[in-house]
Amino acid sequence: MASAQSSGGGTELGQFLRARRTQTRPDQVGLTVGPGLRRTPGLRREELATLAGMSIDYYVRMERGKETRPSPAVLDALARALHLDDAEHQHLRELAARAARYAPEPPPPPSRTVRPHLKLVLEALRPSPAYIISRSMDLLAWNPGGLALYAGLADWPATQRNLARYFFLHPTARTLFPDWDELVRGCVARLRSLAGTAPDAPDLTHLVGELLLKSPDFAKLWERYDVVGRKRIQKTFHHPQVGVLTLSGQSMHLEGTPGQRLGVYTAEPGTPDHDAMLLLDAIALEPAGHRDMKPEQQPHSRP
């Protein structure tokens, strides 16, 4: 199982290269595989070194975290050899840059404070579900629908409300999202990308460490070291209170904040999805005793 901590800047660089190497098949890069069983999944070290035009000893040092100052030309050659896409190539550059300036002291966690005017924005977006999350996906602020959309999340203490934790550890998450497998792959890729350039940041190491211990699914995806996740514009929710609704989602960085992002979901007015969204906003404000009522029992339920 992978550790949430790293021992140096070169460690993350080596882990990323090894993950990409072992997940790249020889036929994907034009190599012919002879008969017999290969013990190594993906490419062998010497095969990648040859494809990238470098010595095997130099590449092994990189993968073991002992070579922390590869040149841009070396990084570009590895990216071409591994057929990295633009996002993965950029991540490789960022890991190398961090390895060259590695400092053992972890940075302080970013502030969790949400500015008052941003809370007003959340209220103004109603009935569209909206929320603000930290860089490590902690839920920092929300409007009624923004919290209620993730069924059962309100049952957790406010300090424990984190979307990654919810996806992997809350029993409702797998039934709420029909595309749960794809959703969590994107979630882990996002955390992997962030942790790769800030592996010692406490807000990330605490979350990743918890999920590695508690979720075998998370641990398996974490080992893959994917840093690019597919994002869908539309997301379907099988909500236990308002039924099935498909909403269009948008996430955006909030300027002047320590990595905070605004997430908002919308639906076309007059559609059943919009009616369900209105209902979700309404029941989120009702006393707890009314929240367990079925949609058809609600006074404003759609026909």
Protein backbone atom coordinates (compact mmCIF):
# COMPACT_ATOMS: atom_id res chain seq x y z
CA MET A 1 0.00 0.00 0.00
CA ALA A 2 1.31 3.44 -0.88
CA SER A 3 2.21 5.85 1.85
CA ALA A 4 0.62 9.24 2.16
CA GLN A 5 3.99 10.65 3.16
CA SER A 6 7.11 11.08 1.04
CA SER A 7 10.74 11.10 2.10
CA GLY A 8 11.94 13.63 -0.44
CA GLY A 9 11.14 15.59 -3.56
CA GLY A 10 12.50 12.88 -5.84
CA THR A 11 10.29 10.20 -4.32
CA GLU A 12 7.09 11.49 -5.90
CA LEU A 13 8.85 11.92 -9.23
CA GLY A 14 10.03 8.30 -9.10
CA GLN A 15 6.62 7.01 -8.04
CA PHE A 16 4.94 8.78 -10.94
CA LEU A 17 7.43 7.43 -13.48
CA ARG A 18 7.12 3.89 -12.14
CA ALA A 19 3.31 4.04 -12.21
CA ARG A 20 3.25 5.26 -15.78
CA ARG A 21 5.91 2.74 -16.86
CA THR A 22 4.13 -0.28 -15.36
CA GLN A 23 0.82 0.77 -16.92
CA THR A 24 2.25 1.25 -20.41
CA ARG A 25 2.12 -1.89 -22.56
CA PRO A 26 5.01 -2.58 -24.95
CA ASP A 27 2.65 -2.62 -27.95
CA GLN A 28 1.46 0.89 -27.06
CA VAL A 29 4.95 2.25 -27.73
CA GLY A 30 5.76 0.11 -30.78
CA LEU A 31 7.72 -2.68 -29.07
CA THR A 32 7.34 -6.28 -30.14
CA VAL A 33 7.01 -8.72 -27.26
CA GLY A 34 8.62 -12.11 -27.71
CA PRO A 35 7.12 -15.42 -26.58
CA GLY A 36 7.00 -16.33 -22.92
CA LEU A 37 5.67 -14.72 -19.77
CA ARG A 38 6.87 -11.24 -18.84
CA ARG A 39 7.44 -10.82 -15.11
CA THR A 40 7.27 -7.05 -15.30
CA PRO A 41 3.85 -5.41 -15.84
CA GLY A 42 4.11 -2.81 -18.55
CA LEU A 43 7.53 -1.65 -19.73
CA ARG A 44 10.81 -2.78 -18.24
CA ARG A 45 13.15 -0.06 -16.96
CA GLU A 46 15.69 -0.77 -19.67
CA GLU A 47 12.99 -0.57 -22.34
CA LEU A 48 11.85 2.85 -21.19
CA ALA A 49 15.42 4.09 -20.86
CA THR A 50 16.14 3.00 -24.43
CA LEU A 51 12.96 4.61 -25.77
CA ALA A 52 13.85 7.86 -23.99
CA GLY A 53 17.49 7.77 -25.16
CA MET A 54 19.16 7.64 -21.73
CA SER A 55 21.26 5.18 -19.78
CA ILE A 56 19.51 2.56 -17.70
CA ASP A 57 21.55 3.62 -14.64
CA TYR A 58 20.36 7.21 -14.94
CA TYR A 59 16.73 6.19 -15.30
CA VAL A 60 16.93 3.80 -12.33
CA ARG A 61 18.30 6.66 -10.22
CA MET A 62 15.32 8.79 -11.23
CA GLU A 63 12.80 6.09 -10.42
CA ARG A 64 14.42 5.49 -7.03
CA GLY A 65 14.27 9.18 -6.17
CA LYS A 66 18.03 9.68 -6.21
CA GLU A 67 18.22 11.87 -9.30
CA THR A 68 16.37 15.09 -8.53
CA ARG A 69 17.57 17.46 -11.26
CA PRO A 70 16.67 15.98 -14.64
CA SER A 71 16.93 18.41 -17.53
CA PRO A 72 13.86 19.60 -19.47
CA ALA A 73 15.11 17.55 -22.43
CA VAL A 74 15.13 14.38 -20.29
CA LEU A 75 11.63 15.07 -19.03
CA ASP A 76 10.36 15.70 -22.56
CA ALA A 77 11.97 12.48 -23.79
CA LEU A 78 10.30 10.47 -21.01
CA ALA A 79 6.96 12.11 -21.74
CA ARG A 80 7.23 11.14 -25.41
CA ALA A 81 8.33 7.61 -24.60
CA LEU A 82 5.44 7.10 -22.20
CA HIS A 83 2.93 8.84 -24.49
CA LEU A 84 1.92 11.23 -21.69
CA ASP A 85 -0.87 13.65 -22.48
CA ASP A 86 -0.46 17.39 -21.89
CA ALA A 87 -1.73 17.30 -18.30
CA GLU A 88 0.50 14.35 -17.36
CA HIS A 89 3.49 15.99 -19.07
CA GLN A 90 2.92 19.17 -17.08
CA HIS A 91 2.60 17.16 -13.87
CA LEU A 92 5.95 15.50 -14.62
CA ARG A 93 7.55 18.93 -15.00
CA GLU A 94 6.02 20.12 -11.73
CA LEU A 95 7.28 17.06 -9.87
CA ALA A 96 10.78 17.61 -11.22
CA ALA A 97 10.70 21.28 -10.26
CA ARG A 98 9.62 20.38 -6.75
CA ALA A 99 12.31 17.69 -6.48
CA ALA A 100 14.96 20.27 -7.31
CA ARG A 101 13.87 22.62 -4.52
CA TYR A 102 12.61 20.06 -1.99
CA ALA A 103 12.38 21.36 1.58
CA PRO A 104 11.65 18.94 4.44
CA GLU A 105 9.41 21.32 6.37
CA PRO A 106 5.74 20.86 5.39
CA PRO A 107 3.85 24.02 4.52
CA PRO A 108 1.02 25.11 6.81
CA PRO A 109 -2.51 24.07 5.82
CA PRO A 110 -4.45 26.75 3.92
CA SER A 111 -7.07 28.78 5.69
CA ARG A 112 -10.56 27.28 5.87
CA THR A 113 -12.17 30.69 6.24
CA VAL A 114 -14.75 31.59 3.59
CA ARG A 115 -15.20 35.29 2.95
CA PRO A 116 -18.63 36.69 3.81
CA HIS A 117 -19.38 37.89 0.28
CA LEU A 118 -18.84 34.35 -1.03
CA LYS A 119 -21.49 33.07 1.37
CA LEU A 120 -23.84 35.68 -0.11
CA VAL A 121 -23.04 34.31 -3.56
CA LEU A 122 -24.08 30.83 -2.41
CA GLU A 123 -27.40 32.18 -1.16
CA ALA A 124 -27.95 34.13 -4.38
CA LEU A 125 -27.50 30.95 -6.42
CA ARG A 126 -30.49 29.20 -4.83
CA PRO A 127 -32.31 27.05 -5.75
CA SER A 128 -29.25 25.75 -7.59
CA PRO A 129 -27.21 23.55 -5.22
CA ALA A 130 -23.87 25.25 -4.60
CA TYR A 131 -20.96 24.90 -2.23
CA ILE A 132 -17.35 25.96 -1.67
CA ILE A 133 -14.65 23.34 -1.14
CA SER A 134 -11.00 23.54 -0.16
CA ARG A 135 -8.19 22.25 -2.36
CA SER A 136 -8.42 18.92 -0.51
CA MET A 137 -12.22 18.80 -1.04
CA ASP A 138 -13.31 19.82 2.47
CA LEU A 139 -16.80 21.30 2.35
CA LEU A 140 -16.34 24.83 3.73
CA ALA A 141 -19.65 26.54 2.94
CA TRP A 142 -22.90 25.65 1.17
CA ASN A 143 -26.46 26.67 0.47
CA PRO A 144 -29.31 24.31 1.52
CA GLY A 145 -29.37 22.31 -1.71
CA GLY A 146 -25.58 22.17 -1.90
CA LEU A 147 -25.43 20.14 1.29
CA ALA A 148 -28.64 18.16 0.79
CA LEU A 149 -27.59 17.04 -2.70
CA TYR A 150 -25.03 14.70 -1.11
CA ALA A 151 -27.56 12.61 0.80
CA GLY A 152 -26.44 11.81 4.34
CA LEU A 153 -23.48 14.18 4.37
CA ALA A 154 -25.30 16.49 6.80
CA ASP A 155 -25.23 13.66 9.35
CA TRP A 156 -21.47 14.06 9.68
CA PRO A 157 -19.93 16.82 11.85
CA ALA A 158 -19.08 19.90 9.82
CA THR A 159 -15.34 19.35 10.27
CA GLN A 160 -15.61 15.86 8.74
CA ARG A 161 -17.54 16.90 5.65
CA ASN A 162 -15.20 16.20 2.77
CA LEU A 163 -16.34 15.08 -0.68
CA ALA A 164 -13.56 12.52 -1.15
CA ARG A 165 -14.29 11.06 2.28
CA TYR A 166 -17.98 10.99 1.38
CA PHE A 167 -17.42 9.24 -1.97
CA PHE A 168 -15.38 6.42 -0.43
CA LEU A 169 -16.67 6.06 3.14
CA HIS A 170 -20.33 7.09 3.23
CA PRO A 171 -22.68 4.13 2.63
CA THR A 172 -25.06 6.26 0.52
CA ALA A 173 -22.48 7.41 -2.03
CA ARG A 174 -22.45 4.24 -4.15
CA THR A 175 -26.22 4.31 -4.63
CA LEU A 176 -26.39 8.09 -5.07
CA PHE A 177 -24.08 8.05 -8.12
CA PRO A 178 -24.80 5.52 -10.90
CA ASP A 179 -21.31 6.27 -12.31
CA TRP A 180 -19.55 5.92 -8.95
CA ASP A 181 -16.55 4.07 -10.44
CA GLU A 182 -15.81 6.86 -12.88
CA LEU A 183 -16.50 9.53 -10.28
CA VAL A 184 -13.98 8.18 -7.77
CA ARG A 185 -11.31 7.72 -10.43
CA GLY A 186 -11.53 11.42 -11.18
CA CYS A 187 -11.54 12.26 -7.49
CA VAL A 188 -8.35 10.29 -6.80
CA ALA A 189 -6.64 11.69 -9.89
CA ARG A 190 -7.33 15.20 -8.62
CA LEU A 191 -5.90 14.43 -5.18
CA ARG A 192 -2.92 12.61 -6.72
CA SER A 193 -2.12 15.59 -8.91
CA LEU A 194 -2.28 17.96 -5.96
CA ALA A 195 -0.38 15.71 -3.56
CA GLY A 196 2.34 15.17 -6.14
CA THR A 197 3.45 18.78 -5.88
CA ALA A 198 2.61 19.21 -2.17
CA PRO A 199 2.99 15.69 -0.70
CA ASP A 200 3.76 16.88 2.84
CA ALA A 201 0.90 19.38 3.16
CA PRO A 202 -1.00 18.34 6.32
CA ASP A 203 -4.50 18.85 4.88
CA LEU A 204 -3.66 16.35 2.13
CA THR A 205 -1.59 13.84 4.09
CA HIS A 206 -4.25 13.48 6.79
CA LEU A 207 -7.02 12.86 4.27
CA VAL A 208 -4.99 10.52 2.07
CA GLY A 209 -3.68 8.61 5.08
CA GLU A 210 -7.21 8.08 6.38
CA LEU A 211 -8.54 6.89 3.03
CA LEU A 212 -5.60 4.56 2.43
CA LEU A 213 -6.36 2.86 5.75
CA LYS A 214 -10.14 2.75 5.47
CA SER A 215 -10.84 2.21 1.78
CA PRO A 216 -9.26 -0.57 -0.31
CA ASP A 217 -10.86 1.03 -3.39
CA PHE A 218 -9.05 4.28 -2.70
CA ALA A 219 -5.74 2.50 -2.05
CA LYS A 220 -5.98 0.64 -5.36
CA LEU A 221 -6.66 3.81 -7.32
CA TRP A 222 -3.96 5.71 -5.43
CA GLU A 223 -1.37 3.15 -6.52
CA ARG A 224 -2.22 3.80 -10.18
CA TYR A 225 -1.00 7.42 -9.88
CA ASP A 226 -3.42 8.76 -12.47
CA VAL A 227 -3.40 12.56 -12.48
CA VAL A 228 -6.03 13.16 -15.14
CA GLY A 229 -9.69 12.38 -14.52
CA ARG A 230 -12.58 12.58 -16.92
CA LYS A 231 -15.06 15.31 -16.01
CA ARG A 232 -18.67 15.16 -17.07
CA ILE A 233 -20.71 18.31 -17.57
CA GLN A 234 -23.85 16.48 -16.49
CA LYS A 235 -24.14 14.34 -13.38
CA THR A 236 -27.02 12.07 -12.40
CA PHE A 237 -28.07 11.62 -8.77
CA HIS A 238 -30.31 8.82 -7.49
CA HIS A 239 -31.43 10.88 -4.52
CA PRO A 240 -33.38 9.11 -1.75
CA GLN A 241 -35.62 12.14 -1.13
CA VAL A 242 -36.33 13.68 -4.53
CA GLY A 243 -35.73 10.78 -6.89
CA VAL A 244 -33.51 10.74 -9.98
CA LEU A 245 -32.27 14.10 -11.23
CA THR A 246 -29.65 15.01 -13.80
CA LEU A 247 -27.93 18.35 -13.31
CA SER A 248 -25.29 20.31 -15.18
CA GLY A 249 -22.27 20.98 -13.01
CA GLN A 250 -19.65 23.71 -13.07
CA SER A 251 -16.58 24.14 -10.88
CA MET A 252 -14.46 27.28 -10.79
CA HIS A 253 -11.47 28.60 -8.88
CA LEU A 254 -12.22 31.49 -6.53
CA GLU A 255 -9.70 34.29 -6.99
CA GLY A 256 -7.93 35.53 -3.89
CA THR A 257 -8.51 32.29 -1.94
CA PRO A 258 -6.07 29.50 -0.93
CA GLY A 259 -7.22 27.06 -3.58
CA GLN A 260 -10.93 27.24 -2.78
CA ARG A 261 -13.40 26.30 -5.53
CA LEU A 262 -17.07 27.01 -6.13
CA GLY A 263 -19.24 24.13 -7.31
CA VAL A 264 -22.75 24.74 -8.64
CA TYR A 265 -25.40 22.56 -10.30
CA THR A 266 -28.18 23.82 -12.57
CA ALA A 267 -31.17 22.48 -14.49
CA GLU A 268 -33.32 23.92 -17.28
CA PRO A 269 -36.41 25.65 -15.80
CA GLY A 270 -39.66 23.79 -16.41
CA THR A 271 -38.03 20.37 -16.57
CA PRO A 272 -38.57 17.53 -14.08
CA ASP A 273 -34.94 17.91 -13.04
CA HIS A 274 -35.53 21.56 -12.17
CA ASP A 275 -38.67 20.61 -10.21
CA ALA A 276 -36.64 18.07 -8.24
CA MET A 277 -33.98 20.69 -7.60
CA LEU A 278 -36.63 23.09 -6.24
CA LEU A 279 -37.93 20.33 -3.99
CA LEU A 280 -34.45 19.58 -2.71
CA ASP A 281 -33.93 23.24 -1.82
CA ALA A 282 -37.29 23.31 -0.02
CA ILE A 283 -36.93 20.17 2.07
CA ALA A 284 -33.39 21.12 3.07
CA LEU A 285 -34.87 23.99 5.09
CA GLU A 286 -37.59 21.95 6.79
CA PRO A 287 -37.29 20.52 10.31
CA ALA A 288 -35.46 17.23 10.56
CA GLY A 289 -38.71 15.35 11.22
CA HIS A 290 -39.94 16.22 7.72
CA ARG A 291 -36.79 15.27 5.83
CA ASP A 292 -37.55 11.56 5.86
CA MET A 293 -40.85 12.03 4.02
CA LYS A 294 -41.07 10.52 0.57
CA PRO A 295 -41.21 12.93 -2.38
CA GLU A 296 -44.90 12.22 -3.03
CA GLN A 297 -45.67 13.18 0.60
CA GLN A 298 -44.06 16.60 0.31
CA PRO A 299 -46.47 19.55 -0.13
CA HIS A 300 -44.54 20.88 -3.15
CA SER A 301 -43.79 17.54 -4.77
CA ARG A 302 -43.94 17.42 -8.55
CA PRO A 303 -46.69 15.22 -10.04
